[in-house]
N, C-alpha and C. Protein backbone atom coordinates (compact mmCIF):
# COMPACT_ATOMS: atom_id res chain seq x y z
N UNK A 1 40.79 -215.30 -47.21
CA UNK A 1 42.17 -215.39 -47.65
C UNK A 1 42.52 -216.82 -47.93
N UNK A 2 42.05 -217.74 -47.10
CA UNK A 2 42.34 -219.13 -47.25
C UNK A 2 41.81 -219.64 -48.61
N UNK A 3 40.65 -219.16 -48.99
CA UNK A 3 40.06 -219.60 -50.29
C UNK A 3 40.91 -219.04 -51.43
N UNK A 4 41.42 -217.82 -51.31
CA UNK A 4 42.24 -217.24 -52.38
C UNK A 4 43.55 -218.02 -52.56
N UNK A 5 44.20 -218.36 -51.46
CA UNK A 5 45.45 -219.14 -51.52
C UNK A 5 45.17 -220.52 -52.13
N UNK A 6 44.09 -221.14 -51.74
CA UNK A 6 43.69 -222.45 -52.29
C UNK A 6 43.44 -222.33 -53.78
N UNK A 7 42.76 -221.28 -54.21
CA UNK A 7 42.46 -221.08 -55.62
C UNK A 7 43.74 -220.89 -56.38
N UNK A 8 44.66 -220.08 -55.94
CA UNK A 8 45.97 -219.89 -56.61
C UNK A 8 46.68 -221.21 -56.71
N UNK A 9 46.71 -221.97 -55.66
CA UNK A 9 47.35 -223.28 -55.67
C UNK A 9 46.75 -224.23 -56.73
N UNK A 10 45.42 -224.22 -56.82
CA UNK A 10 44.77 -225.09 -57.79
C UNK A 10 45.08 -224.67 -59.22
N UNK A 11 45.11 -223.32 -59.44
CA UNK A 11 45.45 -222.80 -60.76
C UNK A 11 46.86 -223.24 -61.15
N UNK A 12 47.79 -223.15 -60.23
CA UNK A 12 49.18 -223.56 -60.53
C UNK A 12 49.27 -225.03 -60.84
N UNK A 13 48.51 -225.86 -60.08
CA UNK A 13 48.50 -227.29 -60.35
C UNK A 13 48.02 -227.60 -61.73
N UNK A 14 46.84 -226.97 -62.07
CA UNK A 14 46.24 -227.21 -63.38
C UNK A 14 47.15 -226.69 -64.52
N UNK A 15 47.76 -225.53 -64.32
CA UNK A 15 48.68 -224.97 -65.32
C UNK A 15 49.90 -225.85 -65.48
N UNK A 16 50.34 -226.54 -64.45
CA UNK A 16 51.53 -227.33 -64.56
C UNK A 16 51.34 -228.70 -65.16
N UNK A 17 50.14 -229.19 -65.21
CA UNK A 17 49.89 -230.56 -65.72
C UNK A 17 50.40 -230.73 -67.16
N UNK A 18 50.11 -229.85 -68.12
CA UNK A 18 50.59 -230.12 -69.50
C UNK A 18 52.13 -230.16 -69.60
N UNK A 19 52.80 -229.38 -68.77
CA UNK A 19 54.28 -229.37 -68.81
C UNK A 19 54.85 -230.70 -68.32
N UNK A 20 54.18 -231.30 -67.36
CA UNK A 20 54.64 -232.56 -66.82
C UNK A 20 54.22 -233.72 -67.76
N UNK A 21 53.01 -233.68 -68.25
CA UNK A 21 52.48 -234.78 -69.06
C UNK A 21 53.11 -234.82 -70.44
N UNK A 22 53.42 -233.71 -71.09
CA UNK A 22 53.95 -233.66 -72.43
C UNK A 22 54.75 -232.42 -72.68
N UNK A 23 55.98 -232.36 -72.19
CA UNK A 23 56.82 -231.17 -72.34
C UNK A 23 57.15 -230.88 -73.79
N UNK A 24 57.31 -231.90 -74.64
CA UNK A 24 57.67 -231.64 -76.05
C UNK A 24 56.50 -230.92 -76.75
N UNK A 25 55.29 -231.37 -76.50
CA UNK A 25 54.13 -230.74 -77.11
C UNK A 25 53.95 -229.31 -76.60
N UNK A 26 54.25 -229.08 -75.35
CA UNK A 26 54.15 -227.73 -74.80
C UNK A 26 55.19 -226.79 -75.44
N UNK A 27 56.39 -227.32 -75.70
CA UNK A 27 57.40 -226.49 -76.39
C UNK A 27 56.90 -226.07 -77.77
N UNK A 28 56.30 -227.00 -78.47
CA UNK A 28 55.81 -226.67 -79.84
C UNK A 28 54.69 -225.64 -79.74
N UNK A 29 53.78 -225.86 -78.77
CA UNK A 29 52.66 -224.91 -78.60
C UNK A 29 53.15 -223.52 -78.22
N UNK A 30 54.13 -223.48 -77.36
CA UNK A 30 54.66 -222.17 -76.95
C UNK A 30 55.38 -221.47 -78.08
N UNK A 31 56.02 -222.17 -78.96
CA UNK A 31 56.65 -221.62 -80.15
C UNK A 31 55.56 -221.00 -81.06
N UNK A 32 54.45 -221.70 -81.23
CA UNK A 32 53.35 -221.18 -82.03
C UNK A 32 52.73 -219.92 -81.37
N UNK A 33 52.68 -219.97 -80.04
CA UNK A 33 52.11 -218.82 -79.30
C UNK A 33 53.00 -217.56 -79.50
N UNK A 34 54.33 -217.76 -79.42
CA UNK A 34 55.24 -216.65 -79.60
C UNK A 34 55.10 -216.03 -81.03
N UNK A 35 54.83 -216.88 -81.98
CA UNK A 35 54.75 -216.39 -83.40
C UNK A 35 53.35 -215.84 -83.72
N UNK A 36 52.39 -215.91 -82.82
CA UNK A 36 51.05 -215.41 -83.04
C UNK A 36 51.00 -213.89 -83.03
N UNK A 37 50.06 -213.36 -83.76
CA UNK A 37 49.83 -211.91 -83.80
C UNK A 37 49.33 -211.42 -82.45
N UNK A 38 49.77 -210.31 -81.94
CA UNK A 38 49.33 -209.80 -80.64
C UNK A 38 47.82 -209.63 -80.53
N UNK A 39 47.17 -209.19 -81.63
CA UNK A 39 45.70 -209.04 -81.59
C UNK A 39 44.98 -210.35 -81.36
N UNK A 40 45.54 -211.44 -81.90
CA UNK A 40 44.96 -212.74 -81.72
C UNK A 40 45.11 -213.18 -80.24
N UNK A 41 46.28 -212.92 -79.70
CA UNK A 41 46.53 -213.28 -78.29
C UNK A 41 45.59 -212.44 -77.39
N UNK A 42 45.41 -211.20 -77.71
CA UNK A 42 44.55 -210.33 -76.91
C UNK A 42 43.10 -210.84 -76.93
N UNK A 43 42.64 -211.23 -78.13
CA UNK A 43 41.28 -211.77 -78.25
C UNK A 43 41.16 -213.08 -77.45
N UNK A 44 42.15 -213.94 -77.54
CA UNK A 44 42.10 -215.18 -76.75
C UNK A 44 42.09 -214.89 -75.26
N UNK A 45 42.86 -213.92 -74.83
CA UNK A 45 42.87 -213.57 -73.40
C UNK A 45 41.54 -212.98 -72.94
N UNK A 46 40.94 -212.12 -73.74
CA UNK A 46 39.67 -211.56 -73.39
C UNK A 46 38.57 -212.58 -73.38
N UNK A 47 38.63 -213.54 -74.30
CA UNK A 47 37.64 -214.63 -74.32
C UNK A 47 37.80 -215.50 -73.07
N UNK A 48 39.03 -215.83 -72.69
CA UNK A 48 39.27 -216.64 -71.48
C UNK A 48 38.77 -215.89 -70.25
N UNK A 49 39.01 -214.60 -70.21
CA UNK A 49 38.57 -213.78 -69.05
C UNK A 49 37.03 -213.77 -68.98
N UNK A 50 36.36 -213.59 -70.13
CA UNK A 50 34.94 -213.56 -70.17
C UNK A 50 34.34 -214.89 -69.70
N UNK A 51 34.89 -215.98 -70.18
CA UNK A 51 34.41 -217.31 -69.77
C UNK A 51 34.63 -217.48 -68.26
N UNK A 52 35.78 -217.06 -67.75
CA UNK A 52 36.07 -217.19 -66.30
C UNK A 52 35.10 -216.33 -65.49
N UNK A 53 34.82 -215.15 -65.94
CA UNK A 53 33.86 -214.26 -65.23
C UNK A 53 32.48 -214.88 -65.24
N UNK A 54 32.11 -215.41 -66.38
CA UNK A 54 30.80 -216.06 -66.47
C UNK A 54 30.69 -217.25 -65.52
N UNK A 55 31.70 -218.07 -65.44
CA UNK A 55 31.70 -219.22 -64.52
C UNK A 55 31.64 -218.78 -63.06
N UNK A 56 32.38 -217.70 -62.75
CA UNK A 56 32.34 -217.21 -61.37
C UNK A 56 30.96 -216.67 -61.01
N UNK A 57 30.32 -215.97 -61.94
CA UNK A 57 28.98 -215.43 -61.69
C UNK A 57 27.99 -216.56 -61.50
N UNK A 58 28.04 -217.54 -62.38
CA UNK A 58 27.16 -218.70 -62.28
C UNK A 58 27.36 -219.46 -60.94
N UNK A 59 28.62 -219.59 -60.57
CA UNK A 59 28.91 -220.32 -59.32
C UNK A 59 28.41 -219.56 -58.09
N UNK A 60 28.50 -218.23 -58.13
CA UNK A 60 28.07 -217.42 -56.98
C UNK A 60 26.57 -217.23 -56.91
N UNK A 61 25.91 -217.11 -58.04
CA UNK A 61 24.46 -216.77 -57.99
C UNK A 61 23.52 -217.94 -58.13
N UNK A 62 24.00 -219.09 -58.49
CA UNK A 62 23.10 -220.22 -58.62
C UNK A 62 23.31 -221.20 -57.47
N UNK A 63 22.40 -222.09 -57.31
CA UNK A 63 22.50 -223.13 -56.29
C UNK A 63 23.12 -224.40 -56.79
N UNK A 64 23.65 -224.38 -57.99
CA UNK A 64 24.18 -225.57 -58.64
C UNK A 64 25.35 -226.14 -57.82
N UNK A 65 26.19 -225.29 -57.32
CA UNK A 65 27.43 -225.79 -56.66
C UNK A 65 27.33 -225.80 -55.13
N UNK A 66 26.17 -225.88 -54.64
CA UNK A 66 25.97 -226.03 -53.20
C UNK A 66 25.55 -224.84 -52.52
């Protein structure tokens, strides 16, 4: 449970960095995101999930990360 809470905290930190570093650019990016076709957003989400799953599998099954 401790690892899960830590992971969620790290995700929130990483997600918040662009908003702090460049809020104007994030507003423009979010406007473009809202105007995007739902199928494109779905494909982007599935791609991100696949990459995340791949990274998790590699981290768990290999000795690369300790």
